[in-house]
Amino acid sequence: TTRLLMNSLEPEDTATYYCAVRDF
């Protein structure tokens, strides 16, 4: 599990956020 704590959010942070994984 990965988590992203987002503080001090700004309007420019508005987006669809995607999780991804790769081997290296």
PDB file of all heavy atoms in Angstrom:
ATOM      1  N   THR A   1       0.828  -1.192   0.000  1.00  0.00           N
ATOM      2  CA  THR A   1       0.000   0.000   0.000  1.00  0.00           C
ATOM      3  C   THR A   1       0.863   1.243   0.000  1.00  0.00           C
ATOM      4  O   THR A   1       1.815   1.348   0.782  1.00  0.00           O
ATOM      5  CB  THR A   1      -0.918   0.029   1.232  1.00  0.00           C
ATOM      6  OG1 THR A   1      -1.794  -1.099   1.206  1.00  0.00           O
ATOM      7  CG2 THR A   1      -1.740   1.302   1.266  1.00  0.00           C
ATOM      8  N   THR A   2       0.546   2.171  -0.874  1.00  0.00           N
ATOM      9  CA  THR A   2       1.182   3.475  -0.860  1.00  0.00           C
ATOM     10  C   THR A   2       0.150   4.526  -0.490  1.00  0.00           C
ATOM     11  O   THR A   2      -1.014   4.427  -0.874  1.00  0.00           O
ATOM     12  CB  THR A   2       1.839   3.817  -2.208  1.00  0.00           C
ATOM     13  OG1 THR A   2       2.539   5.059  -2.105  1.00  0.00           O
ATOM     14  CG2 THR A   2       0.804   3.923  -3.322  1.00  0.00           C
ATOM     15  N   ARG A   3       0.586   5.517   0.241  1.00  0.00           N
ATOM     16  CA  ARG A   3      -0.290   6.587   0.665  1.00  0.00           C
ATOM     17  C   ARG A   3       0.338   7.927   0.326  1.00  0.00           C
ATOM     18  O   ARG A   3       1.556   8.087   0.374  1.00  0.00           O
ATOM     19  CB  ARG A   3      -0.578   6.507   2.164  1.00  0.00           C
ATOM     20  CG  ARG A   3      -1.339   5.260   2.576  1.00  0.00           C
ATOM     21  CD  ARG A   3      -1.625   5.243   4.058  1.00  0.00           C
ATOM     22  NE  ARG A   3      -2.464   4.111   4.427  1.00  0.00           N
ATOM     23  CZ  ARG A   3      -2.005   2.909   4.726  1.00  0.00           C
ATOM     24  NH1 ARG A   3      -0.689   2.682   4.729  1.00  0.00           N
ATOM     25  NH2 ARG A   3      -2.840   1.940   5.042  1.00  0.00           N
ATOM     26  N   LEU A   4      -0.508   8.866  -0.016  1.00  0.00           N
ATOM     27  CA  LEU A   4      -0.071  10.214  -0.328  1.00  0.00           C
ATOM     28  C   LEU A   4      -0.829  11.179   0.564  1.00  0.00           C
ATOM     29  O   LEU A   4      -2.041  11.348   0.406  1.00  0.00           O
ATOM     30  CB  LEU A   4      -0.319  10.545  -1.804  1.00  0.00           C
ATOM     31  CG  LEU A   4       0.168  11.907  -2.272  1.00  0.00           C
ATOM     32  CD1 LEU A   4       1.691  11.973  -2.231  1.00  0.00           C
ATOM     33  CD2 LEU A   4      -0.339  12.207  -3.680  1.00  0.00           C
ATOM     34  N   LEU A   5      -0.117  11.783   1.496  1.00  0.00           N
ATOM     35  CA  LEU A   5      -0.700  12.798   2.355  1.00  0.00           C
ATOM     36  C   LEU A   5      -0.494  14.145   1.689  1.00  0.00           C
ATOM     37  O   LEU A   5       0.645  14.558   1.460  1.00  0.00           O
ATOM     38  CB  LEU A   5      -0.057  12.776   3.737  1.00  0.00           C
ATOM     39  CG  LEU A   5      -0.493  13.866   4.716  1.00  0.00           C
ATOM     40  CD1 LEU A   5      -1.983  13.789   4.980  1.00  0.00           C
ATOM     41  CD2 LEU A   5       0.296  13.769   6.012  1.00  0.00           C
ATOM     42  N   MET A   6      -1.582  14.812   1.383  1.00  0.00           N
ATOM     43  CA  MET A   6      -1.537  16.082   0.681  1.00  0.00           C
ATOM     44  C   MET A   6      -1.991  17.185   1.625  1.00  0.00           C
ATOM     45  O   MET A   6      -3.151  17.220   2.036  1.00  0.00           O
ATOM     46  CB  MET A   6      -2.427  16.044  -0.567  1.00  0.00           C
ATOM     47  CG  MET A   6      -2.070  14.920  -1.529  1.00  0.00           C
ATOM     48  SD  MET A   6      -3.046  14.963  -3.057  1.00  0.00           S
ATOM     49  CE  MET A   6      -4.668  14.577  -2.409  1.00  0.00           C
ATOM     50  N   ASN A   7      -1.076  18.056   1.969  1.00  0.00           N
ATOM     51  CA  ASN A   7      -1.361  19.195   2.820  1.00  0.00           C
ATOM     52  C   ASN A   7      -1.270  20.489   2.019  1.00  0.00           C
ATOM     53  O   ASN A   7      -0.675  20.532   0.944  1.00  0.00           O
ATOM     54  CB  ASN A   7      -0.386  19.256   3.996  1.00  0.00           C
ATOM     55  CG  ASN A   7      -0.571  18.135   4.985  1.00  0.00           C
ATOM     56  OD1 ASN A   7      -1.690  17.727   5.273  1.00  0.00           O
ATOM     57  ND2 ASN A   7       0.536  17.635   5.534  1.00  0.00           N
ATOM     58  N   SER A   8      -1.843  21.538   2.572  1.00  0.00           N
ATOM     59  CA  SER A   8      -1.799  22.860   1.943  1.00  0.00           C
ATOM     60  C   SER A   8      -2.198  22.796   0.484  1.00  0.00           C
ATOM     61  O   SER A   8      -1.525  23.338  -0.402  1.00  0.00           O
ATOM     62  CB  SER A   8      -0.393  23.462   2.091  1.00  0.00           C
ATOM     63  OG  SER A   8      -0.029  23.567   3.452  1.00  0.00           O
ATOM     64  N   LEU A   9      -3.294  22.127   0.221  1.00  0.00           N
ATOM     65  CA  LEU A   9      -3.740  21.934  -1.153  1.00  0.00           C
ATOM     66  C   LEU A   9      -4.079  23.255  -1.821  1.00  0.00           C
ATOM     67  O   LEU A   9      -4.593  24.179  -1.180  1.00  0.00           O
ATOM     68  CB  LEU A   9      -4.944  21.003  -1.190  1.00  0.00           C
ATOM     69  CG  LEU A   9      -4.605  19.523  -1.013  1.00  0.00           C
ATOM     70  CD1 LEU A   9      -5.846  18.727  -0.654  1.00  0.00           C
ATOM     71  CD2 LEU A   9      -3.970  18.979  -2.288  1.00  0.00           C
ATOM     72  N   GLU A  10      -3.788  23.318  -3.097  1.00  0.00           N
ATOM     73  CA  GLU A  10      -4.018  24.494  -3.909  1.00  0.00           C
ATOM     74  C   GLU A  10      -4.927  24.131  -5.075  1.00  0.00           C
ATOM     75  O   GLU A  10      -4.997  22.968  -5.474  1.00  0.00           O
ATOM     76  CB  GLU A  10      -2.683  25.039  -4.436  1.00  0.00           C
ATOM     77  CG  GLU A  10      -1.682  25.361  -3.347  1.00  0.00           C
ATOM     78  CD  GLU A  10      -0.298  25.648  -3.885  1.00  0.00           C
ATOM     79  OE1 GLU A  10      -0.072  25.461  -5.105  1.00  0.00           O
ATOM     80  OE2 GLU A  10       0.561  26.073  -3.091  1.00  0.00           O
ATOM     81  N   PRO A  11      -5.638  25.115  -5.647  1.00  0.00           N
ATOM     82  CA  PRO A  11      -6.479  24.807  -6.808  1.00  0.00           C
ATOM     83  C   PRO A  11      -5.720  24.125  -7.935  1.00  0.00           C
ATOM     84  O   PRO A  11      -6.298  23.309  -8.662  1.00  0.00           O
ATOM     85  CB  PRO A  11      -6.995  26.186  -7.231  1.00  0.00           C
ATOM     86  CG  PRO A  11      -7.022  26.965  -5.958  1.00  0.00           C
ATOM     87  CD  PRO A  11      -5.810  26.504  -5.193  1.00  0.00           C
ATOM     88  N   GLU A  12      -4.440  24.432  -8.075  1.00  0.00           N
ATOM     89  CA  GLU A  12      -3.627  23.812  -9.115  1.00  0.00           C
ATOM     90  C   GLU A  12      -3.418  22.323  -8.896  1.00  0.00           C
ATOM     91  O   GLU A  12      -2.959  21.625  -9.807  1.00  0.00           O
ATOM     92  CB  GLU A  12      -2.273  24.518  -9.215  1.00  0.00           C
ATOM     93  CG  GLU A  12      -2.333  25.945  -9.756  1.00  0.00           C
ATOM     94  CD  GLU A  12      -2.889  26.948  -8.757  1.00  0.00           C
ATOM     95  OE1 GLU A  12      -2.897  26.644  -7.534  1.00  0.00           O
ATOM     96  OE2 GLU A  12      -3.318  28.038  -9.179  1.00  0.00           O
ATOM     97  N   ASP A  13      -3.730  21.829  -7.702  1.00  0.00           N
ATOM     98  CA  ASP A  13      -3.621  20.405  -7.425  1.00  0.00           C
ATOM     99  C   ASP A  13      -4.838  19.628  -7.910  1.00  0.00           C
ATOM    100  O   ASP A  13      -4.842  18.392  -7.853  1.00  0.00           O
ATOM    101  CB  ASP A  13      -3.442  20.161  -5.928  1.00  0.00           C
ATOM    102  CG  ASP A  13      -2.152  20.756  -5.392  1.00  0.00           C
ATOM    103  OD1 ASP A  13      -1.100  20.585  -6.048  1.00  0.00           O
ATOM    104  OD2 ASP A  13      -2.193  21.380  -4.306  1.00  0.00           O
ATOM    105  N   THR A  14      -5.860  20.321  -8.361  1.00  0.00           N
ATOM    106  CA  THR A  14      -7.049  19.654  -8.875  1.00  0.00           C
ATOM    107  C   THR A  14      -6.687  18.780 -10.068  1.00  0.00           C
ATOM    108  O   THR A  14      -6.100  19.246 -11.039  1.00  0.00           O
ATOM    109  CB  THR A  14      -8.104  20.688  -9.284  1.00  0.00           C
ATOM    110  OG1 THR A  14      -8.520  21.423  -8.128  1.00  0.00           O
ATOM    111  CG2 THR A  14      -9.314  20.006  -9.903  1.00  0.00           C
ATOM    112  N   ALA A  15      -7.038  17.504  -9.988  1.00  0.00           N
ATOM    113  CA  ALA A  15      -6.679  16.556 -11.035  1.00  0.00           C
ATOM    114  C   ALA A  15      -7.248  15.188 -10.686  1.00  0.00           C
ATOM    115  O   ALA A  15      -7.761  14.969  -9.588  1.00  0.00           O
ATOM    116  CB  ALA A  15      -5.164  16.455 -11.187  1.00  0.00           C
ATOM    117  N   THR A  16      -7.131  14.282 -11.637  1.00  0.00           N
ATOM    118  CA  THR A  16      -7.349  12.872 -11.358  1.00  0.00           C
ATOM    119  C   THR A  16      -6.009  12.273 -10.971  1.00  0.00           C
ATOM    120  O   THR A  16      -5.038  12.382 -11.714  1.00  0.00           O
ATOM    121  CB  THR A  16      -7.923  12.136 -12.575  1.00  0.00           C
ATOM    122  OG1 THR A  16      -9.154  12.754 -12.961  1.00  0.00           O
ATOM    123  CG2 THR A  16      -8.183  10.678 -12.236  1.00  0.00           C
ATOM    124  N   TYR A  17      -5.958  11.668  -9.820  1.00  0.00           N
ATOM    125  CA  TYR A  17      -4.720  11.100  -9.309  1.00  0.00           C
ATOM    126  C   TYR A  17      -4.712   9.593  -9.533  1.00  0.00           C
ATOM    127  O   TYR A  17      -5.667   8.896  -9.185  1.00  0.00           O
ATOM    128  CB  TYR A  17      -4.558  11.416  -7.822  1.00  0.00           C
ATOM    129  CG  TYR A  17      -4.128  12.837  -7.576  1.00  0.00           C
ATOM    130  CD1 TYR A  17      -4.999  13.894  -7.788  1.00  0.00           C
ATOM    131  CD2 TYR A  17      -2.831  13.128  -7.151  1.00  0.00           C
ATOM    132  CE1 TYR A  17      -4.602  15.206  -7.587  1.00  0.00           C
ATOM    133  CE2 TYR A  17      -2.424  14.429  -6.939  1.00  0.00           C
ATOM    134  CZ  TYR A  17      -3.308  15.469  -7.159  1.00  0.00           C
ATOM    135  OH  TYR A  17      -2.900  16.769  -6.950  1.00  0.00           O
ATOM    136  N   TYR A  18      -3.623   9.113 -10.112  1.00  0.00           N
ATOM    137  CA  TYR A  18      -3.477   7.709 -10.452  1.00  0.00           C
ATOM    138  C   TYR A  18      -2.330   7.085  -9.678  1.00  0.00           C
ATOM    139  O   TYR A  18      -1.267   7.696  -9.527  1.00  0.00           O
ATOM    140  CB  TYR A  18      -3.200   7.533 -11.947  1.00  0.00           C
ATOM    141  CG  TYR A  18      -4.316   7.985 -12.848  1.00  0.00           C
ATOM    142  CD1 TYR A  18      -4.374   9.294 -13.304  1.00  0.00           C
ATOM    143  CD2 TYR A  18      -5.308   7.092 -13.240  1.00  0.00           C
ATOM    144  CE1 TYR A  18      -5.397   9.715 -14.133  1.00  0.00           C
ATOM    145  CE2 TYR A  18      -6.333   7.501 -14.069  1.00  0.00           C
ATOM    146  CZ  TYR A  18      -6.370   8.813 -14.517  1.00  0.00           C
ATOM    147  OH  TYR A  18      -7.385   9.220 -15.343  1.00  0.00           O
ATOM    148  N   CYS A  19      -2.537   5.882  -9.235  1.00  0.00           N
ATOM    149  CA  CYS A  19      -1.492   5.069  -8.636  1.00  0.00           C
ATOM    150  C   CYS A  19      -0.874   4.185  -9.711  1.00  0.00           C
ATOM    151  O   CYS A  19      -1.568   3.726 -10.623  1.00  0.00           O
ATOM    152  CB  CYS A  19      -2.085   4.217  -7.519  1.00  0.00           C
ATOM    153  SG  CYS A  19      -0.948   3.071  -6.728  1.00  0.00           S
ATOM    154  N   ALA A  20       0.423   3.946  -9.620  1.00  0.00           N
ATOM    155  CA  ALA A  20       1.104   3.117 -10.600  1.00  0.00           C
ATOM    156  C   ALA A  20       2.256   2.369  -9.945  1.00  0.00           C
ATOM    157  O   ALA A  20       2.766   2.777  -8.899  1.00  0.00           O
ATOM    158  CB  ALA A  20       1.627   3.971 -11.759  1.00  0.00           C
ATOM    159  N   VAL A  21       2.683   1.275 -10.593  1.00  0.00           N
ATOM    160  CA  VAL A  21       3.787   0.474 -10.076  1.00  0.00           C
ATOM    161  C   VAL A  21       4.642  -0.028 -11.229  1.00  0.00           C
ATOM    162  O   VAL A  21       4.132  -0.309 -12.320  1.00  0.00           O
ATOM    163  CB  VAL A  21       3.256  -0.710  -9.225  1.00  0.00           C
ATOM    164  CG1 VAL A  21       2.457  -1.681 -10.081  1.00  0.00           C
ATOM    165  CG2 VAL A  21       4.406  -1.418  -8.514  1.00  0.00           C
ATOM    166  N   ARG A  22       5.933  -0.114 -10.993  1.00  0.00           N
ATOM    167  CA  ARG A  22       6.876  -0.685 -11.946  1.00  0.00           C
ATOM    168  C   ARG A  22       7.940  -1.450 -11.170  1.00  0.00           C
ATOM    169  O   ARG A  22       8.088  -1.261  -9.957  1.00  0.00           O
ATOM    170  CB  ARG A  22       7.507   0.384 -12.843  1.00  0.00           C
ATOM    171  CG  ARG A  22       8.339   1.399 -12.093  1.00  0.00           C
ATOM    172  CD  ARG A  22       8.966   2.414 -13.047  1.00  0.00           C
ATOM    173  NE  ARG A  22       9.930   1.787 -13.935  1.00  0.00           N
ATOM    174  CZ  ARG A  22      10.483   2.381 -14.992  1.00  0.00           C
ATOM    175  NH1 ARG A  22      10.135   3.631 -15.307  1.00  0.00           N
ATOM    176  NH2 ARG A  22      11.357   1.733 -15.744  1.00  0.00           N
ATOM    177  N   ASP A  23       8.727  -2.242 -11.865  1.00  0.00           N
ATOM    178  CA  ASP A  23       9.680  -3.106 -11.174  1.00  0.00           C
ATOM    179  C   ASP A  23      10.891  -2.360 -10.630  1.00  0.00           C
ATOM    180  O   ASP A  23      11.475  -2.782  -9.636  1.00  0.00           O
ATOM    181  CB  ASP A  23      10.114  -4.257 -12.088  1.00  0.00           C
ATOM    182  CG  ASP A  23      10.739  -3.786 -13.388  1.00  0.00           C
ATOM    183  OD1 ASP A  23      10.714  -2.574 -13.678  1.00  0.00           O
ATOM    184  OD2 ASP A  23      11.247  -4.643 -14.125  1.00  0.00           O
ATOM    185  N   PHE A  24      11.289  -1.265 -11.258  1.00  0.00           N
ATOM    186  CA  PHE A  24      12.485  -0.559 -10.813  1.00  0.00           C
ATOM    187  C   PHE A  24      12.522   0.848 -11.375  1.00  0.00           C
ATOM    188  O   PHE A  24      12.103   1.077 -12.513  1.00  0.00           O
ATOM    189  CB  PHE A  24      13.748  -1.327 -11.235  1.00  0.00           C
ATOM    190  CG  PHE A  24      15.032  -0.712 -10.750  1.00  0.00           C
ATOM    191  CD1 PHE A  24      15.406  -0.839  -9.422  1.00  0.00           C
ATOM    192  CD2 PHE A  24      15.851  -0.006 -11.604  1.00  0.00           C
ATOM    193  CE1 PHE A  24      16.578  -0.272  -8.953  1.00  0.00           C
ATOM    194  CE2 PHE A  24      17.030   0.563 -11.152  1.00  0.00           C
ATOM    195  CZ  PHE A  24      17.394   0.431  -9.828  1.00  0.00           C
TER     196      PHE A  24
END
